[in-house]
Amino acid sequence: MNTLIAKTTGAVSAEDVRFVGDKLVIKLSDWRELSVPYKKIPWLKWLAKATPKQRADWSLEPGGYAIYWEQLDDGVEICHLLGVESLN
């Protein structure tokens, strides 16, 4: 599976981000949407603890390879999210 992730993430980038309930939903450049249950993933605890206002204040890194929350001084790379895609 790591090979598949490595091959697909090089050409895939984030284009938009939104929160729907307890899910972080990311629109990808290949027309897919990635839905991640951020409150259930231990390494996204910082995002689960954030206020809705803080979560809404995100930006895409150049090329869309990552999402960054300046107020929280943290972010996540798309390749890492694709690695947990099966958890949603």
PDB file of N, CA and C in Angstrom:
ATOM      1  N   MET A   1       0.821  -1.200   0.000  1.00  0.00           N
ATOM      2  CA  MET A   1       0.000   0.000   0.000  1.00  0.00           C
ATOM      3  C   MET A   1       0.860   1.257   0.000  1.00  0.00           C
ATOM      4  N   ASN A   2       1.983   1.264   0.634  1.00  0.00           N
ATOM      5  CA  ASN A   2       2.839   2.441   0.630  1.00  0.00           C
ATOM      6  C   ASN A   2       3.251   2.845  -0.773  1.00  0.00           C
ATOM      7  N   THR A   3       3.465   1.879  -1.640  1.00  0.00           N
ATOM      8  CA  THR A   3       3.822   2.190  -3.015  1.00  0.00           C
ATOM      9  C   THR A   3       2.685   2.919  -3.715  1.00  0.00           C
ATOM     10  N   LEU A   4       1.464   2.466  -3.514  1.00  0.00           N
ATOM     11  CA  LEU A   4       0.314   3.113  -4.116  1.00  0.00           C
ATOM     12  C   LEU A   4       0.189   4.550  -3.632  1.00  0.00           C
ATOM     13  N   ILE A   5       0.342   4.769  -2.354  1.00  0.00           N
ATOM     14  CA  ILE A   5       0.261   6.120  -1.807  1.00  0.00           C
ATOM     15  C   ILE A   5       1.343   6.993  -2.414  1.00  0.00           C
ATOM     16  N   ALA A   6       2.548   6.503  -2.488  1.00  0.00           N
ATOM     17  CA  ALA A   6       3.651   7.284  -3.031  1.00  0.00           C
ATOM     18  C   ALA A   6       3.396   7.657  -4.486  1.00  0.00           C
ATOM     19  N   LYS A   7       2.830   6.753  -5.258  1.00  0.00           N
ATOM     20  CA  LYS A   7       2.582   7.029  -6.671  1.00  0.00           C
ATOM     21  C   LYS A   7       1.435   8.012  -6.860  1.00  0.00           C
ATOM     22  N   THR A   8       0.399   7.943  -6.032  1.00  0.00           N
ATOM     23  CA  THR A   8      -0.762   8.811  -6.243  1.00  0.00           C
ATOM     24  C   THR A   8      -0.593  10.192  -5.642  1.00  0.00           C
ATOM     25  N   THR A   9       0.139  10.356  -4.579  1.00  0.00           N
ATOM     26  CA  THR A   9       0.222  11.655  -3.927  1.00  0.00           C
ATOM     27  C   THR A   9       1.107  12.634  -4.665  1.00  0.00           C
ATOM     28  N   GLY A  10       2.009  12.173  -5.502  1.00  0.00           N
ATOM     29  CA  GLY A  10       2.861  13.086  -6.234  1.00  0.00           C
ATOM     30  C   GLY A  10       2.067  13.966  -7.185  1.00  0.00           C
ATOM     31  N   ALA A  11       0.992  13.474  -7.727  1.00  0.00           N
ATOM     32  CA  ALA A  11       0.198  14.217  -8.686  1.00  0.00           C
ATOM     33  C   ALA A  11      -1.077  14.785  -8.072  1.00  0.00           C
ATOM     34  N   VAL A  12      -1.360  14.465  -6.826  1.00  0.00           N
ATOM     35  CA  VAL A  12      -2.597  14.901  -6.180  1.00  0.00           C
ATOM     36  C   VAL A  12      -2.288  16.019  -5.190  1.00  0.00           C
ATOM     37  N   SER A  13      -3.120  17.052  -5.229  1.00  0.00           N
ATOM     38  CA  SER A  13      -2.948  18.156  -4.290  1.00  0.00           C
ATOM     39  C   SER A  13      -4.319  18.581  -3.770  1.00  0.00           C
ATOM     40  N   ALA A  14      -4.296  19.317  -2.683  1.00  0.00           N
ATOM     41  CA  ALA A  14      -5.536  19.838  -2.105  1.00  0.00           C
ATOM     42  C   ALA A  14      -5.945  21.097  -2.848  1.00  0.00           C
ATOM     43  N   GLU A  15      -7.247  21.248  -3.039  1.00  0.00           N
ATOM     44  CA  GLU A  15      -7.770  22.446  -3.688  1.00  0.00           C
ATOM     45  C   GLU A  15      -8.718  23.233  -2.789  1.00  0.00           C
ATOM     46  N   ASP A  16      -9.362  22.535  -1.848  1.00  0.00           N
ATOM     47  CA  ASP A  16     -10.301  23.205  -0.958  1.00  0.00           C
ATOM     48  C   ASP A  16     -10.449  22.371   0.311  1.00  0.00           C
ATOM     49  N   VAL A  17     -10.838  23.024   1.383  1.00  0.00           N
ATOM     50  CA  VAL A  17     -10.987  22.373   2.684  1.00  0.00           C
ATOM     51  C   VAL A  17     -12.276  22.869   3.325  1.00  0.00           C
ATOM     52  N   ARG A  18     -12.989  21.950   3.968  1.00  0.00           N
ATOM     53  CA  ARG A  18     -14.162  22.337   4.749  1.00  0.00           C
ATOM     54  C   ARG A  18     -14.363  21.308   5.866  1.00  0.00           C
ATOM     55  N   PHE A  19     -15.121  21.691   6.852  1.00  0.00           N
ATOM     56  CA  PHE A  19     -15.465  20.794   7.946  1.00  0.00           C
ATOM     57  C   PHE A  19     -16.959  20.509   7.881  1.00  0.00           C
ATOM     58  N   VAL A  20     -17.298  19.241   7.949  1.00  0.00           N
ATOM     59  CA  VAL A  20     -18.688  18.801   7.944  1.00  0.00           C
ATOM     60  C   VAL A  20     -18.848  17.879   9.147  1.00  0.00           C
ATOM     61  N   GLY A  21     -19.546  18.360  10.160  1.00  0.00           N
ATOM     62  CA  GLY A  21     -19.669  17.576  11.388  1.00  0.00           C
ATOM     63  C   GLY A  21     -18.292  17.325  11.988  1.00  0.00           C
ATOM     64  N   ASP A  22     -17.982  16.061  12.235  1.00  0.00           N
ATOM     65  CA  ASP A  22     -16.680  15.690  12.798  1.00  0.00           C
ATOM     66  C   ASP A  22     -15.679  15.276  11.729  1.00  0.00           C
ATOM     67  N   LYS A  23     -15.907  15.689  10.492  1.00  0.00           N
ATOM     68  CA  LYS A  23     -15.029  15.296   9.387  1.00  0.00           C
ATOM     69  C   LYS A  23     -14.325  16.502   8.795  1.00  0.00           C
ATOM     70  N   LEU A  24     -13.064  16.309   8.477  1.00  0.00           N
ATOM     71  CA  LEU A  24     -12.285  17.244   7.676  1.00  0.00           C
ATOM     72  C   LEU A  24     -12.421  16.745   6.244  1.00  0.00           C
ATOM     73  N   VAL A  25     -12.993  17.568   5.374  1.00  0.00           N
ATOM     74  CA  VAL A  25     -13.237  17.158   3.989  1.00  0.00           C
ATOM     75  C   VAL A  25     -12.342  17.993   3.079  1.00  0.00           C
ATOM     76  N   ILE A  26     -11.560  17.308   2.262  1.00  0.00           N
ATOM     77  CA  ILE A  26     -10.604  17.970   1.382  1.00  0.00           C
ATOM     78  C   ILE A  26     -10.923  17.617  -0.059  1.00  0.00           C
ATOM     79  N   LYS A  27     -11.107  18.635  -0.869  1.00  0.00           N
ATOM     80  CA  LYS A  27     -11.298  18.428  -2.304  1.00  0.00           C
ATOM     81  C   LYS A  27      -9.912  18.301  -2.922  1.00  0.00           C
ATOM     82  N   LEU A  28      -9.683  17.192  -3.609  1.00  0.00           N
ATOM     83  CA  LEU A  28      -8.392  16.929  -4.227  1.00  0.00           C
ATOM     84  C   LEU A  28      -8.392  17.336  -5.696  1.00  0.00           C
ATOM     85  N   SER A  29      -7.213  17.540  -6.228  1.00  0.00           N
ATOM     86  CA  SER A  29      -7.059  17.995  -7.610  1.00  0.00           C
ATOM     87  C   SER A  29      -7.520  16.969  -8.633  1.00  0.00           C
ATOM     88  N   ASP A  30      -7.662  15.713  -8.232  1.00  0.00           N
ATOM     89  CA  ASP A  30      -8.128  14.682  -9.172  1.00  0.00           C
ATOM     90  C   ASP A  30      -9.635  14.433  -9.045  1.00  0.00           C
ATOM     91  N   TRP A  31     -10.360  15.365  -8.456  1.00  0.00           N
ATOM     92  CA  TRP A  31     -11.813  15.374  -8.319  1.00  0.00           C
ATOM     93  C   TRP A  31     -12.323  14.519  -7.169  1.00  0.00           C
ATOM     94  N   ARG A  32     -11.467  13.806  -6.471  1.00  0.00           N
ATOM     95  CA  ARG A  32     -11.914  13.050  -5.297  1.00  0.00           C
ATOM     96  C   ARG A  32     -12.084  14.000  -4.122  1.00  0.00           C
ATOM     97  N   GLU A  33     -12.850  13.541  -3.148  1.00  0.00           N
ATOM     98  CA  GLU A  33     -12.921  14.224  -1.868  1.00  0.00           C
ATOM     99  C   GLU A  33     -12.468  13.247  -0.803  1.00  0.00           C
ATOM    100  N   LEU A  34     -11.609  13.715   0.049  1.00  0.00           N
ATOM    101  CA  LEU A  34     -11.081  12.924   1.143  1.00  0.00           C
ATOM    102  C   LEU A  34     -11.776  13.376   2.416  1.00  0.00           C
ATOM    103  N   SER A  35     -12.410  12.457   3.113  1.00  0.00           N
ATOM    104  CA  SER A  35     -13.116  12.750   4.347  1.00  0.00           C
ATOM    105  C   SER A  35     -12.386  12.063   5.489  1.00  0.00           C
ATOM    106  N   VAL A  36     -11.918  12.854   6.448  1.00  0.00           N
ATOM    107  CA  VAL A  36     -11.090  12.338   7.538  1.00  0.00           C
ATOM    108  C   VAL A  36     -11.753  12.635   8.879  1.00  0.00           C
ATOM    109  N   PRO A  37     -11.976  11.613   9.709  1.00  0.00           N
ATOM    110  CA  PRO A  37     -12.559  11.823  11.041  1.00  0.00           C
ATOM    111  C   PRO A  37     -11.483  12.336  12.014  1.00  0.00           C
ATOM    112  N   TYR A  38     -11.184  13.623  11.911  1.00  0.00           N
ATOM    113  CA  TYR A  38     -10.033  14.189  12.627  1.00  0.00           C
ATOM    114  C   TYR A  38     -10.101  14.014  14.139  1.00  0.00           C
ATOM    115  N   LYS A  39     -11.263  13.875  14.721  1.00  0.00           N
ATOM    116  CA  LYS A  39     -11.363  13.695  16.172  1.00  0.00           C
ATOM    117  C   LYS A  39     -10.979  12.286  16.609  1.00  0.00           C
ATOM    118  N   LYS A  40     -10.938  11.342  15.679  1.00  0.00           N
ATOM    119  CA  LYS A  40     -10.603   9.956  16.004  1.00  0.00           C
ATOM    120  C   LYS A  40      -9.147   9.603  15.701  1.00  0.00           C
ATOM    121  N   ILE A  41      -8.410  10.529  15.138  1.00  0.00           N
ATOM    122  CA  ILE A  41      -7.019  10.252  14.755  1.00  0.00           C
ATOM    123  C   ILE A  41      -6.094  10.911  15.779  1.00  0.00           C
ATOM    124  N   PRO A  42      -5.349  10.117  16.534  1.00  0.00           N
ATOM    125  CA  PRO A  42      -4.521  10.666  17.617  1.00  0.00           C
ATOM    126  C   PRO A  42      -3.577  11.785  17.180  1.00  0.00           C
ATOM    127  N   TRP A  43      -2.961  11.686  16.021  1.00  0.00           N
ATOM    128  CA  TRP A  43      -2.010  12.725  15.620  1.00  0.00           C
ATOM    129  C   TRP A  43      -2.680  13.989  15.099  1.00  0.00           C
ATOM    130  N   LEU A  44      -4.018  14.031  15.097  1.00  0.00           N
ATOM    131  CA  LEU A  44      -4.748  15.254  14.768  1.00  0.00           C
ATOM    132  C   LEU A  44      -5.473  15.820  15.994  1.00  0.00           C
ATOM    133  N   LYS A  45      -5.025  15.411  17.184  1.00  0.00           N
ATOM    134  CA  LYS A  45      -5.630  15.882  18.435  1.00  0.00           C
ATOM    135  C   LYS A  45      -5.634  17.408  18.517  1.00  0.00           C
ATOM    136  N   TRP A  46      -4.574  18.029  18.034  1.00  0.00           N
ATOM    137  CA  TRP A  46      -4.463  19.495  18.049  1.00  0.00           C
ATOM    138  C   TRP A  46      -5.598  20.139  17.239  1.00  0.00           C
ATOM    139  N   LEU A  47      -6.028  19.507  16.178  1.00  0.00           N
ATOM    140  CA  LEU A  47      -7.116  20.032  15.361  1.00  0.00           C
ATOM    141  C   LEU A  47      -8.464  19.806  16.049  1.00  0.00           C
ATOM    142  N   ALA A  48      -8.611  18.677  16.715  1.00  0.00           N
ATOM    143  CA  ALA A  48      -9.849  18.380  17.443  1.00  0.00           C
ATOM    144  C   ALA A  48     -10.053  19.354  18.602  1.00  0.00           C
ATOM    145  N   LYS A  49      -8.979  19.812  19.223  1.00  0.00           N
ATOM    146  CA  LYS A  49      -9.063  20.733  20.357  1.00  0.00           C
ATOM    147  C   LYS A  49      -9.282  22.179  19.929  1.00  0.00           C
ATOM    148  N   ALA A  50      -9.102  22.474  18.661  1.00  0.00           N
ATOM    149  CA  ALA A  50      -9.231  23.841  18.165  1.00  0.00           C
ATOM    150  C   ALA A  50     -10.694  24.281  18.146  1.00  0.00           C
ATOM    151  N   THR A  51     -10.891  25.577  18.209  1.00  0.00           N
ATOM    152  CA  THR A  51     -12.242  26.122  18.096  1.00  0.00           C
ATOM    153  C   THR A  51     -12.669  26.089  16.621  1.00  0.00           C
ATOM    154  N   PRO A  52     -13.966  26.148  16.359  1.00  0.00           N
ATOM    155  CA  PRO A  52     -14.416  26.205  14.970  1.00  0.00           C
ATOM    156  C   PRO A  52     -13.798  27.382  14.204  1.00  0.00           C
ATOM    157  N   LYS A  53     -13.639  28.506  14.872  1.00  0.00           N
ATOM    158  CA  LYS A  53     -13.023  29.679  14.233  1.00  0.00           C
ATOM    159  C   LYS A  53     -11.568  29.389  13.858  1.00  0.00           C
ATOM    160  N   GLN A  54     -10.828  28.740  14.741  1.00  0.00           N
ATOM    161  CA  GLN A  54      -9.438  28.385  14.439  1.00  0.00           C
ATOM    162  C   GLN A  54      -9.360  27.372  13.289  1.00  0.00           C
ATOM    163  N   ARG A  55     -10.250  26.383  13.299  1.00  0.00           N
ATOM    164  CA  ARG A  55     -10.251  25.385  12.225  1.00  0.00           C
ATOM    165  C   ARG A  55     -10.575  26.013  10.876  1.00  0.00           C
ATOM    166  N   ALA A  56     -11.404  27.053  10.883  1.00  0.00           N
ATOM    167  CA  ALA A  56     -11.803  27.709   9.632  1.00  0.00           C
ATOM    168  C   ALA A  56     -10.686  28.563   9.041  1.00  0.00           C
ATOM    169  N   ASP A  57      -9.679  28.879   9.823  1.00  0.00           N
ATOM    170  CA  ASP A  57      -8.589  29.747   9.375  1.00  0.00           C
ATOM    171  C   ASP A  57      -7.413  28.911   8.861  1.00  0.00           C
ATOM    172  N   TRP A  58      -7.571  28.301   7.719  1.00  0.00           N
ATOM    173  CA  TRP A  58      -6.564  27.435   7.124  1.00  0.00           C
ATOM    174  C   TRP A  58      -6.046  28.060   5.835  1.00  0.00           C
ATOM    175  N   SER A  59      -4.918  27.552   5.385  1.00  0.00           N
ATOM    176  CA  SER A  59      -4.388  27.953   4.081  1.00  0.00           C
ATOM    177  C   SER A  59      -3.725  26.736   3.446  1.00  0.00           C
ATOM    178  N   LEU A  60      -3.631  26.772   2.125  1.00  0.00           N
ATOM    179  CA  LEU A  60      -2.946  25.707   1.408  1.00  0.00           C
ATOM    180  C   LEU A  60      -1.500  26.106   1.192  1.00  0.00           C
ATOM    181  N   GLU A  61      -0.622  25.168   1.402  1.00  0.00           N
ATOM    182  CA  GLU A  61       0.779  25.405   1.095  1.00  0.00           C
ATOM    183  C   GLU A  61       0.933  25.467  -0.426  1.00  0.00           C
ATOM    184  N   PRO A  62       1.963  26.149  -0.928  1.00  0.00           N
ATOM    185  CA  PRO A  62       2.152  26.228  -2.382  1.00  0.00           C
ATOM    186  C   PRO A  62       2.116  24.846  -3.031  1.00  0.00           C
ATOM    187  N   GLY A  63       1.363  24.735  -4.092  1.00  0.00           N
ATOM    188  CA  GLY A  63       1.217  23.457  -4.778  1.00  0.00           C
ATOM    189  C   GLY A  63       0.166  22.556  -4.166  1.00  0.00           C
ATOM    190  N   GLY A  64      -0.424  22.974  -3.039  1.00  0.00           N
ATOM    191  CA  GLY A  64      -1.484  22.204  -2.407  1.00  0.00           C
ATOM    192  C   GLY A  64      -1.042  20.909  -1.751  1.00  0.00           C
ATOM    193  N   TYR A  65       0.256  20.785  -1.440  1.00  0.00           N
ATOM    194  CA  TYR A  65       0.743  19.537  -0.850  1.00  0.00           C
ATOM    195  C   TYR A  65       0.365  19.405   0.620  1.00  0.00           C
ATOM    196  N   ALA A  66      -0.057  20.523   1.262  1.00  0.00           N
ATOM    197  CA  ALA A  66      -0.383  20.492   2.689  1.00  0.00           C
ATOM    198  C   ALA A  66      -1.397  21.584   3.019  1.00  0.00           C
ATOM    199  N   ILE A  67      -2.036  21.397   4.171  1.00  0.00           N
ATOM    200  CA  ILE A  67      -2.958  22.383   4.731  1.00  0.00           C
ATOM    201  C   ILE A  67      -2.312  22.896   6.013  1.00  0.00           C
ATOM    202  N   TYR A  68      -2.356  24.208   6.196  1.00  0.00           N
ATOM    203  CA  TYR A  68      -1.706  24.804   7.360  1.00  0.00           C
ATOM    204  C   TYR A  68      -2.680  25.717   8.093  1.00  0.00           C
ATOM    205  N   TRP A  69      -2.675  25.623   9.426  1.00  0.00           N
ATOM    206  CA  TRP A  69      -3.480  26.472  10.292  1.00  0.00           C
ATOM    207  C   TRP A  69      -2.523  27.375  11.056  1.00  0.00           C
ATOM    208  N   GLU A  70      -2.410  28.629  10.623  1.00  0.00           N
ATOM    209  CA  GLU A  70      -1.443  29.552  11.211  1.00  0.00           C
ATOM    210  C   GLU A  70      -1.706  29.792  12.695  1.00  0.00           C
ATOM    211  N   GLN A  71      -2.961  29.988  13.077  1.00  0.00           N
ATOM    212  CA  GLN A  71      -3.285  30.232  14.481  1.00  0.00           C
ATOM    213  C   GLN A  71      -2.880  29.062  15.378  1.00  0.00           C
ATOM    214  N   LEU A  72      -2.905  27.863  14.826  1.00  0.00           N
ATOM    215  CA  LEU A  72      -2.565  26.663  15.591  1.00  0.00           C
ATOM    216  C   LEU A  72      -1.101  26.270  15.412  1.00  0.00           C
ATOM    217  N   ASP A  73      -0.415  26.945  14.506  1.00  0.00           N
ATOM    218  CA  ASP A  73       0.982  26.673  14.184  1.00  0.00           C
ATOM    219  C   ASP A  73       1.210  25.189  13.893  1.00  0.00           C
ATOM    220  N   ASP A  74       0.316  24.632  13.081  1.00  0.00           N
ATOM    221  CA  ASP A  74       0.432  23.223  12.724  1.00  0.00           C
ATOM    222  C   ASP A  74      -0.286  22.984  11.403  1.00  0.00           C
ATOM    223  N   GLY A  75      -0.020  21.850  10.827  1.00  0.00           N
ATOM    224  CA  GLY A  75      -0.643  21.508   9.560  1.00  0.00           C
ATOM    225  C   GLY A  75      -0.494  20.033   9.284  1.00  0.00           C
ATOM    226  N   VAL A  76      -0.950  19.638   8.108  1.00  0.00           N
ATOM    227  CA  VAL A  76      -0.884  18.231   7.733  1.00  0.00           C
ATOM    228  C   VAL A  76      -0.667  18.131   6.227  1.00  0.00           C
ATOM    229  N   GLU A  77       0.186  17.194   5.841  1.00  0.00           N
ATOM    230  CA  GLU A  77       0.433  16.957   4.435  1.00  0.00           C
ATOM    231  C   GLU A  77      -0.619  16.005   3.873  1.00  0.00           C
ATOM    232  N   ILE A  78      -0.990  16.226   2.627  1.00  0.00           N
ATOM    233  CA  ILE A  78      -2.013  15.412   1.981  1.00  0.00           C
ATOM    234  C   ILE A  78      -1.608  13.940   1.949  1.00  0.00           C
ATOM    235  N   CYS A  79      -0.337  13.656   1.722  1.00  0.00           N
ATOM    236  CA  CYS A  79       0.106  12.255   1.675  1.00  0.00           C
ATOM    237  C   CYS A  79      -0.158  11.541   2.985  1.00  0.00           C
ATOM    238  N   HIS A  80      -0.070  12.232   4.113  1.00  0.00           N
ATOM    239  CA  HIS A  80      -0.361  11.610   5.402  1.00  0.00           C
ATOM    240  C   HIS A  80      -1.851  11.330   5.547  1.00  0.00           C
ATOM    241  N   LEU A  81      -2.682  12.237   5.051  1.00  0.00           N
ATOM    242  CA  LEU A  81      -4.124  12.025   5.115  1.00  0.00           C
ATOM    243  C   LEU A  81      -4.552  10.882   4.221  1.00  0.00           C
ATOM    244  N   LEU A  82      -3.941  10.745   3.071  1.00  0.00           N
ATOM    245  CA  LEU A  82      -4.276   9.633   2.195  1.00  0.00           C
ATOM    246  C   LEU A  82      -3.906   8.302   2.831  1.00  0.00           C
ATOM    247  N   GLY A  83      -2.946   8.311   3.718  1.00  0.00           N
ATOM    248  CA  GLY A  83      -2.560   7.103   4.425  1.00  0.00           C
ATOM    249  C   GLY A  83      -3.586   6.639   5.438  1.00  0.00           C
ATOM    250  N   VAL A  84      -4.494   7.550   5.866  1.00  0.00           N
ATOM    251  CA  VAL A  84      -5.533   7.172   6.823  1.00  0.00           C
ATOM    252  C   VAL A  84      -6.911   7.218   6.187  1.00  0.00           C
ATOM    253  N   GLU A  85      -6.975   7.284   4.893  1.00  0.00           N
ATOM    254  CA  GLU A  85      -8.240   7.411   4.192  1.00  0.00           C
ATOM    255  C   GLU A  85      -9.227   6.315   4.568  1.00  0.00           C
ATOM    256  N   SER A  86      -8.741   5.135   4.851  1.00  0.00           N
ATOM    257  CA  SER A  86      -9.642   4.017   5.149  1.00  0.00           C
ATOM    258  C   SER A  86     -10.298   4.136   6.525  1.00  0.00           C
ATOM    259  N   LEU A  87      -9.937   5.110   7.353  1.00  0.00           N
ATOM    260  CA  LEU A  87     -10.528   5.279   8.670  1.00  0.00           C
ATOM    261  C   LEU A  87     -11.864   6.009   8.642  1.00  0.00           C
ATOM    262  N   ASN A  88     -12.246   6.618   7.529  1.00  0.00           N
ATOM    263  CA  ASN A  88     -13.464   7.428   7.541  1.00  0.00           C
ATOM    264  C   ASN A  88     -14.729   6.643   7.353  1.00  0.00           C
TER     265      ASN A  88
END
